[in-house]
Amino acid sequence: HYTTVSSEDFKGKWVVVCFYPADFTFVCPTEIAAMNAKYDEFQALGVEILPVSVDSKFSHKRFAETEPVLAGLQLTMGADTT
């Protein structure tokens, strides 16, 4: 699903913002999958993880649906097209 995210959503939490160049690149899915694999541990510490790229939310959706290592993705992916 799509949602708007702001800094207010993370008040009182630590946030790891991971900027990556683009969806469908060879390095990015493994890094996102690695963070996703430890997501429950980060959550237990009160930490949110937000991977962000310049791709649109539609690109993120397709990326998550078609990239095998992103199966079961729990992270919210940020789209900053500007």
PDB file of N, CA and C in Angstrom:
ATOM      1  N   HIS A   1       0.839  -1.186   0.000  1.00  0.00           N
ATOM      2  CA  HIS A   1       0.000   0.000   0.000  1.00  0.00           C
ATOM      3  C   HIS A   1       0.879   1.243   0.000  1.00  0.00           C
ATOM      4  N   TYR A   2       0.296   2.347  -0.364  1.00  0.00           N
ATOM      5  CA  TYR A   2       1.028   3.610  -0.423  1.00  0.00           C
ATOM      6  C   TYR A   2       0.619   4.484   0.752  1.00  0.00           C
ATOM      7  N   THR A   3       1.580   5.200   1.292  1.00  0.00           N
ATOM      8  CA  THR A   3       1.321   6.111   2.403  1.00  0.00           C
ATOM      9  C   THR A   3       2.311   7.267   2.327  1.00  0.00           C
ATOM     10  N   THR A   4       1.967   8.356   2.947  1.00  0.00           N
ATOM     11  CA  THR A   4       2.878   9.489   3.043  1.00  0.00           C
ATOM     12  C   THR A   4       3.615   9.378   4.376  1.00  0.00           C
ATOM     13  N   VAL A   5       4.915   9.577   4.334  1.00  0.00           N
ATOM     14  CA  VAL A   5       5.750   9.455   5.522  1.00  0.00           C
ATOM     15  C   VAL A   5       6.361  10.819   5.821  1.00  0.00           C
ATOM     16  N   SER A   6       6.351  11.171   7.097  1.00  0.00           N
ATOM     17  CA  SER A   6       7.009  12.416   7.505  1.00  0.00           C
ATOM     18  C   SER A   6       7.827  12.153   8.761  1.00  0.00           C
ATOM     19  N   SER A   7       8.655  13.102   9.116  1.00  0.00           N
ATOM     20  CA  SER A   7       9.479  12.950  10.315  1.00  0.00           C
ATOM     21  C   SER A   7       8.615  12.801  11.568  1.00  0.00           C
ATOM     22  N   GLU A   8       7.419  13.332  11.555  1.00  0.00           N
ATOM     23  CA  GLU A   8       6.511  13.201  12.701  1.00  0.00           C
ATOM     24  C   GLU A   8       6.160  11.744  12.981  1.00  0.00           C
ATOM     25  N   ASP A   9       6.164  10.911  11.952  1.00  0.00           N
ATOM     26  CA  ASP A   9       5.848   9.493  12.115  1.00  0.00           C
ATOM     27  C   ASP A   9       6.898   8.754  12.938  1.00  0.00           C
ATOM     28  N   PHE A  10       8.064   9.339  13.058  1.00  0.00           N
ATOM     29  CA  PHE A  10       9.177   8.670  13.725  1.00  0.00           C
ATOM     30  C   PHE A  10       9.559   9.342  15.039  1.00  0.00           C
ATOM     31  N   LYS A  11       8.717  10.208  15.546  1.00  0.00           N
ATOM     32  CA  LYS A  11       9.017  10.900  16.805  1.00  0.00           C
ATOM     33  C   LYS A  11       9.267   9.895  17.923  1.00  0.00           C
ATOM     34  N   GLY A  12      10.376  10.095  18.626  1.00  0.00           N
ATOM     35  CA  GLY A  12      10.723   9.222  19.736  1.00  0.00           C
ATOM     36  C   GLY A  12      11.450   7.954  19.340  1.00  0.00           C
ATOM     37  N   LYS A  13      11.745   7.802  18.043  1.00  0.00           N
ATOM     38  CA  LYS A  13      12.453   6.616  17.560  1.00  0.00           C
ATOM     39  C   LYS A  13      13.737   7.034  16.869  1.00  0.00           C
ATOM     40  N   TRP A  14      14.670   6.129  16.848  1.00  0.00           N
ATOM     41  CA  TRP A  14      15.840   6.286  15.997  1.00  0.00           C
ATOM     42  C   TRP A  14      15.435   5.839  14.604  1.00  0.00           C
ATOM     43  N   VAL A  15      15.999   6.477  13.600  1.00  0.00           N
ATOM     44  CA  VAL A  15      15.688   6.113  12.215  1.00  0.00           C
ATOM     45  C   VAL A  15      16.985   5.959  11.429  1.00  0.00           C
ATOM     46  N   VAL A  16      17.112   4.834  10.765  1.00  0.00           N
ATOM     47  CA  VAL A  16      18.212   4.614   9.834  1.00  0.00           C
ATOM     48  C   VAL A  16      17.655   4.914   8.446  1.00  0.00           C
ATOM     49  N   VAL A  17      18.129   5.992   7.846  1.00  0.00           N
ATOM     50  CA  VAL A  17      17.716   6.349   6.489  1.00  0.00           C
ATOM     51  C   VAL A  17      18.832   5.899   5.561  1.00  0.00           C
ATOM     52  N   CYS A  18      18.504   4.991   4.664  1.00  0.00           N
ATOM     53  CA  CYS A  18      19.484   4.418   3.754  1.00  0.00           C
ATOM     54  C   CYS A  18      19.156   4.872   2.333  1.00  0.00           C
ATOM     55  N   PHE A  19      19.944   5.805   1.834  1.00  0.00           N
ATOM     56  CA  PHE A  19      19.732   6.277   0.466  1.00  0.00           C
ATOM     57  C   PHE A  19      20.433   5.330  -0.503  1.00  0.00           C
ATOM     58  N   TYR A  20      19.742   4.967  -1.556  1.00  0.00           N
ATOM     59  CA  TYR A  20      20.339   4.117  -2.586  1.00  0.00           C
ATOM     60  C   TYR A  20      20.009   4.708  -3.954  1.00  0.00           C
ATOM     61  N   PRO A  21      20.815   4.415  -4.972  1.00  0.00           N
ATOM     62  CA  PRO A  21      20.698   5.134  -6.247  1.00  0.00           C
ATOM     63  C   PRO A  21      19.406   4.876  -7.011  1.00  0.00           C
ATOM     64  N   ALA A  22      18.984   3.622  -7.112  1.00  0.00           N
ATOM     65  CA  ALA A  22      17.803   3.342  -7.932  1.00  0.00           C
ATOM     66  C   ALA A  22      17.363   1.901  -7.751  1.00  0.00           C
ATOM     67  N   ASP A  23      16.075   1.676  -7.983  1.00  0.00           N
ATOM     68  CA  ASP A  23      15.550   0.318  -8.029  1.00  0.00           C
ATOM     69  C   ASP A  23      16.165  -0.398  -9.226  1.00  0.00           C
ATOM     70  N   PHE A  24      16.155  -1.699  -9.167  1.00  0.00           N
ATOM     71  CA  PHE A  24      16.625  -2.557 -10.263  1.00  0.00           C
ATOM     72  C   PHE A  24      18.122  -2.409 -10.545  1.00  0.00           C
ATOM     73  N   THR A  25      18.902  -2.032  -9.531  1.00  0.00           N
ATOM     74  CA  THR A  25      20.353  -2.030  -9.668  1.00  0.00           C
ATOM     75  C   THR A  25      20.887  -3.274  -8.962  1.00  0.00           C
ATOM     76  N   PHE A  26      22.111  -3.647  -9.244  1.00  0.00           N
ATOM     77  CA  PHE A  26      22.616  -4.936  -8.771  1.00  0.00           C
ATOM     78  C   PHE A  26      22.991  -4.973  -7.297  1.00  0.00           C
ATOM     79  N   VAL A  27      23.278  -3.869  -6.665  1.00  0.00           N
ATOM     80  CA  VAL A  27      23.691  -3.879  -5.263  1.00  0.00           C
ATOM     81  C   VAL A  27      22.511  -3.661  -4.320  1.00  0.00           C
ATOM     82  N   CYS A  28      21.629  -2.791  -4.672  1.00  0.00           N
ATOM     83  CA  CYS A  28      20.570  -2.340  -3.769  1.00  0.00           C
ATOM     84  C   CYS A  28      19.691  -3.439  -3.180  1.00  0.00           C
ATOM     85  N   PRO A  29      19.237  -4.421  -3.953  1.00  0.00           N
ATOM     86  CA  PRO A  29      18.331  -5.393  -3.335  1.00  0.00           C
ATOM     87  C   PRO A  29      18.985  -6.195  -2.217  1.00  0.00           C
ATOM     88  N   THR A  30      20.262  -6.481  -2.328  1.00  0.00           N
ATOM     89  CA  THR A  30      20.919  -7.249  -1.272  1.00  0.00           C
ATOM     90  C   THR A  30      21.050  -6.428   0.004  1.00  0.00           C
ATOM     91  N   GLU A  31      21.325  -5.138  -0.119  1.00  0.00           N
ATOM     92  CA  GLU A  31      21.423  -4.285   1.065  1.00  0.00           C
ATOM     93  C   GLU A  31      20.063  -4.123   1.735  1.00  0.00           C
ATOM     94  N   ILE A  32      19.022  -3.911   0.950  1.00  0.00           N
ATOM     95  CA  ILE A  32      17.669  -3.773   1.493  1.00  0.00           C
ATOM     96  C   ILE A  32      17.238  -5.085   2.140  1.00  0.00           C
ATOM     97  N   ALA A  33      17.523  -6.216   1.483  1.00  0.00           N
ATOM     98  CA  ALA A  33      17.167  -7.525   2.039  1.00  0.00           C
ATOM     99  C   ALA A  33      17.901  -7.775   3.356  1.00  0.00           C
ATOM    100  N   ALA A  34      19.153  -7.365   3.447  1.00  0.00           N
ATOM    101  CA  ALA A  34      19.925  -7.554   4.679  1.00  0.00           C
ATOM    102  C   ALA A  34      19.315  -6.750   5.827  1.00  0.00           C
ATOM    103  N   MET A  35      18.916  -5.520   5.554  1.00  0.00           N
ATOM    104  CA  MET A  35      18.266  -4.706   6.593  1.00  0.00           C
ATOM    105  C   MET A  35      16.915  -5.305   6.973  1.00  0.00           C
ATOM    106  N   ASN A  36      16.188  -5.784   5.982  1.00  0.00           N
ATOM    107  CA  ASN A  36      14.883  -6.390   6.218  1.00  0.00           C
ATOM    108  C   ASN A  36      15.005  -7.644   7.089  1.00  0.00           C
ATOM    109  N   ALA A  37      16.057  -8.427   6.880  1.00  0.00           N
ATOM    110  CA  ALA A  37      16.271  -9.653   7.652  1.00  0.00           C
ATOM    111  C   ALA A  37      16.460  -9.366   9.135  1.00  0.00           C
ATOM    112  N   LYS A  38      16.969  -8.193   9.471  1.00  0.00           N
ATOM    113  CA  LYS A  38      17.215  -7.806  10.868  1.00  0.00           C
ATOM    114  C   LYS A  38      16.158  -6.833  11.395  1.00  0.00           C
ATOM    115  N   TYR A  39      15.093  -6.642  10.620  1.00  0.00           N
ATOM    116  CA  TYR A  39      14.082  -5.637  10.961  1.00  0.00           C
ATOM    117  C   TYR A  39      13.494  -5.851  12.354  1.00  0.00           C
ATOM    118  N   ASP A  40      13.163  -7.087  12.702  1.00  0.00           N
ATOM    119  CA  ASP A  40      12.577  -7.350  14.021  1.00  0.00           C
ATOM    120  C   ASP A  40      13.530  -6.954  15.146  1.00  0.00           C
ATOM    121  N   GLU A  41      14.828  -7.189  14.942  1.00  0.00           N
ATOM    122  CA  GLU A  41      15.813  -6.802  15.953  1.00  0.00           C
ATOM    123  C   GLU A  41      15.897  -5.283  16.078  1.00  0.00           C
ATOM    124  N   PHE A  42      15.860  -4.586  14.950  1.00  0.00           N
ATOM    125  CA  PHE A  42      15.857  -3.123  14.989  1.00  0.00           C
ATOM    126  C   PHE A  42      14.595  -2.602  15.678  1.00  0.00           C
ATOM    127  N   GLN A  43      13.452  -3.189  15.359  1.00  0.00           N
ATOM    128  CA  GLN A  43      12.191  -2.780  15.977  1.00  0.00           C
ATOM    129  C   GLN A  43      12.238  -2.938  17.493  1.00  0.00           C
ATOM    130  N   ALA A  44      12.831  -4.029  17.966  1.00  0.00           N
ATOM    131  CA  ALA A  44      12.935  -4.270  19.411  1.00  0.00           C
ATOM    132  C   ALA A  44      13.756  -3.190  20.101  1.00  0.00           C
ATOM    133  N   LEU A  45      14.640  -2.547  19.349  1.00  0.00           N
ATOM    134  CA  LEU A  45      15.460  -1.462  19.887  1.00  0.00           C
ATOM    135  C   LEU A  45      14.824  -0.088  19.664  1.00  0.00           C
ATOM    136  N   GLY A  46      13.628  -0.057  19.066  1.00  0.00           N
ATOM    137  CA  GLY A  46      12.961   1.208  18.790  1.00  0.00           C
ATOM    138  C   GLY A  46      13.519   1.927  17.578  1.00  0.00           C
ATOM    139  N   VAL A  47      14.064   1.169  16.636  1.00  0.00           N
ATOM    140  CA  VAL A  47      14.695   1.742  15.447  1.00  0.00           C
ATOM    141  C   VAL A  47      13.868   1.422  14.211  1.00  0.00           C
ATOM    142  N   GLU A  48      13.609   2.435  13.400  1.00  0.00           N
ATOM    143  CA  GLU A  48      12.955   2.242  12.105  1.00  0.00           C
ATOM    144  C   GLU A  48      14.015   2.299  11.016  1.00  0.00           C
ATOM    145  N   ILE A  49      13.771   1.609   9.918  1.00  0.00           N
ATOM    146  CA  ILE A  49      14.674   1.615   8.772  1.00  0.00           C
ATOM    147  C   ILE A  49      13.884   2.119   7.572  1.00  0.00           C
ATOM    148  N   LEU A  50      14.439   3.088   6.873  1.00  0.00           N
ATOM    149  CA  LEU A  50      13.759   3.681   5.729  1.00  0.00           C
ATOM    150  C   LEU A  50      14.707   3.768   4.542  1.00  0.00           C
ATOM    151  N   PRO A  51      14.635   2.794   3.618  1.00  0.00           N
ATOM    152  CA  PRO A  51      15.425   2.912   2.393  1.00  0.00           C
ATOM    153  C   PRO A  51      14.754   3.913   1.449  1.00  0.00           C
ATOM    154  N   VAL A  52      15.531   4.811   0.865  1.00  0.00           N
ATOM    155  CA  VAL A  52      14.984   5.880   0.026  1.00  0.00           C
ATOM    156  C   VAL A  52      15.774   5.980  -1.278  1.00  0.00           C
ATOM    157  N   SER A  53      15.061   6.129  -2.383  1.00  0.00           N
ATOM    158  CA  SER A  53      15.710   6.424  -3.662  1.00  0.00           C
ATOM    159  C   SER A  53      14.873   7.453  -4.414  1.00  0.00           C
ATOM    160  N   VAL A  54      15.349   7.829  -5.574  1.00  0.00           N
ATOM    161  CA  VAL A  54      14.632   8.819  -6.387  1.00  0.00           C
ATOM    162  C   VAL A  54      13.554   8.181  -7.255  1.00  0.00           C
ATOM    163  N   ASP A  55      13.382   6.869  -7.126  1.00  0.00           N
ATOM    164  CA  ASP A  55      12.345   6.188  -7.897  1.00  0.00           C
ATOM    165  C   ASP A  55      10.958   6.496  -7.339  1.00  0.00           C
ATOM    166  N   SER A  56       9.951   6.308  -8.165  1.00  0.00           N
ATOM    167  CA  SER A  56       8.570   6.544  -7.744  1.00  0.00           C
ATOM    168  C   SER A  56       8.054   5.382  -6.898  1.00  0.00           C
ATOM    169  N   LYS A  57       6.942   5.609  -6.242  1.00  0.00           N
ATOM    170  CA  LYS A  57       6.319   4.547  -5.453  1.00  0.00           C
ATOM    171  C   LYS A  57       5.903   3.381  -6.347  1.00  0.00           C
ATOM    172  N   PHE A  58       5.584   3.661  -7.598  1.00  0.00           N
ATOM    173  CA  PHE A  58       5.196   2.608  -8.531  1.00  0.00           C
ATOM    174  C   PHE A  58       6.402   1.735  -8.894  1.00  0.00           C
ATOM    175  N   SER A  59       7.551   2.361  -9.053  1.00  0.00           N
ATOM    176  CA  SER A  59       8.782   1.617  -9.314  1.00  0.00           C
ATOM    177  C   SER A  59       9.136   0.744  -8.117  1.00  0.00           C
ATOM    178  N   HIS A  60       9.007   1.296  -6.903  1.00  0.00           N
ATOM    179  CA  HIS A  60       9.274   0.528  -5.686  1.00  0.00           C
ATOM    180  C   HIS A  60       8.371  -0.713  -5.618  1.00  0.00           C
ATOM    181  N   LYS A  61       7.111  -0.524  -5.947  1.00  0.00           N
ATOM    182  CA  LYS A  61       6.157  -1.637  -5.905  1.00  0.00           C
ATOM    183  C   LYS A  61       6.599  -2.751  -6.841  1.00  0.00           C
ATOM    184  N   ARG A  62       6.921  -2.401  -8.055  1.00  0.00           N
ATOM    185  CA  ARG A  62       7.350  -3.403  -9.044  1.00  0.00           C
ATOM    186  C   ARG A  62       8.671  -4.050  -8.629  1.00  0.00           C
ATOM    187  N   PHE A  63       9.577  -3.254  -8.109  1.00  0.00           N
ATOM    188  CA  PHE A  63      10.872  -3.741  -7.637  1.00  0.00           C
ATOM    189  C   PHE A  63      10.666  -4.796  -6.544  1.00  0.00           C
ATOM    190  N   ALA A  64       9.846  -4.479  -5.562  1.00  0.00           N
ATOM    191  CA  ALA A  64       9.592  -5.405  -4.455  1.00  0.00           C
ATOM    192  C   ALA A  64       8.868  -6.667  -4.924  1.00  0.00           C
ATOM    193  N   GLU A  65       8.019  -6.530  -5.929  1.00  0.00           N
ATOM    194  CA  GLU A  65       7.270  -7.676  -6.441  1.00  0.00           C
ATOM    195  C   GLU A  65       8.122  -8.615  -7.299  1.00  0.00           C
ATOM    196  N   THR A  66       9.122  -8.084  -7.964  1.00  0.00           N
ATOM    197  CA  THR A  66       9.864  -8.891  -8.932  1.00  0.00           C
ATOM    198  C   THR A  66      11.258  -9.309  -8.479  1.00  0.00           C
ATOM    199  N   GLU A  67      11.791  -8.681  -7.465  1.00  0.00           N
ATOM    200  CA  GLU A  67      13.137  -9.015  -6.990  1.00  0.00           C
ATOM    201  C   GLU A  67      13.030 -10.124  -5.944  1.00  0.00           C
ATOM    202  N   PRO A  68      13.522 -11.326  -6.248  1.00  0.00           N
ATOM    203  CA  PRO A  68      13.363 -12.459  -5.331  1.00  0.00           C
ATOM    204  C   PRO A  68      13.877 -12.223  -3.910  1.00  0.00           C
ATOM    205  N   VAL A  69      14.992 -11.519  -3.739  1.00  0.00           N
ATOM    206  CA  VAL A  69      15.532 -11.315  -2.386  1.00  0.00           C
ATOM    207  C   VAL A  69      14.689 -10.355  -1.553  1.00  0.00           C
ATOM    208  N   LEU A  70      13.732  -9.677  -2.182  1.00  0.00           N
ATOM    209  CA  LEU A  70      12.859  -8.764  -1.443  1.00  0.00           C
ATOM    210  C   LEU A  70      11.526  -9.405  -1.059  1.00  0.00           C
ATOM    211  N   ALA A  71      11.388 -10.695  -1.291  1.00  0.00           N
ATOM    212  CA  ALA A  71      10.168 -11.398  -0.886  1.00  0.00           C
ATOM    213  C   ALA A  71       9.993 -11.246   0.625  1.00  0.00           C
ATOM    214  N   GLY A  72       8.802 -10.921   1.046  1.00  0.00           N
ATOM    215  CA  GLY A  72       8.537 -10.740   2.476  1.00  0.00           C
ATOM    216  C   GLY A  72       9.023  -9.416   3.033  1.00  0.00           C
ATOM    217  N   LEU A  73       9.207  -8.431   2.174  1.00  0.00           N
ATOM    218  CA  LEU A  73       9.710  -7.120   2.598  1.00  0.00           C
ATOM    219  C   LEU A  73       8.781  -6.488   3.633  1.00  0.00           C
ATOM    220  N   GLN A  74       9.346  -6.094   4.770  1.00  0.00           N
ATOM    221  CA  GLN A  74       8.586  -5.443   5.837  1.00  0.00           C
ATOM    222  C   GLN A  74       8.834  -3.940   5.882  1.00  0.00           C
ATOM    223  N   LEU A  75       9.911  -3.491   5.276  1.00  0.00           N
ATOM    224  CA  LEU A  75      10.309  -2.094   5.350  1.00  0.00           C
ATOM    225  C   LEU A  75       9.419  -1.201   4.513  1.00  0.00           C
ATOM    226  N   THR A  76       9.236   0.017   4.958  1.00  0.00           N
ATOM    227  CA  THR A  76       8.604   1.044   4.143  1.00  0.00           C
ATOM    228  C   THR A  76       9.700   1.635   3.274  1.00  0.00           C
ATOM    229  N   MET A  77       9.450   1.707   1.974  1.00  0.00           N
ATOM    230  CA  MET A  77      10.435   2.261   1.053  1.00  0.00           C
ATOM    231  C   MET A  77      10.032   3.688   0.727  1.00  0.00           C
ATOM    232  N   GLY A  78      10.972   4.605   0.856  1.00  0.00           N
ATOM    233  CA  GLY A  78      10.700   6.010   0.594  1.00  0.00           C
ATOM    234  C   GLY A  78      10.989   6.377  -0.849  1.00  0.00           C
ATOM    235  N   ALA A  79      10.082   7.149  -1.423  1.00  0.00           N
ATOM    236  CA  ALA A  79      10.243   7.635  -2.801  1.00  0.00           C
ATOM    237  C   ALA A  79      10.400   9.155  -2.750  1.00  0.00           C
ATOM    238  N   ASP A  80      11.554   9.643  -3.161  1.00  0.00           N
ATOM    239  CA  ASP A  80      11.806  11.082  -3.206  1.00  0.00           C
ATOM    240  C   ASP A  80      12.191  11.442  -4.632  1.00  0.00           C
ATOM    241  N   THR A  81      11.206  11.677  -5.457  1.00  0.00           N
ATOM    242  CA  THR A  81      11.441  11.918  -6.881  1.00  0.00           C
ATOM    243  C   THR A  81      12.006  13.312  -7.155  1.00  0.00           C
ATOM    244  N   THR A  82      12.150  14.123  -6.116  1.00  0.00           N
ATOM    245  CA  THR A  82      12.729  15.453  -6.312  1.00  0.00           C
ATOM    246  C   THR A  82      14.184  15.470  -5.899  1.00  0.00           C
TER     247      THR A  82
END
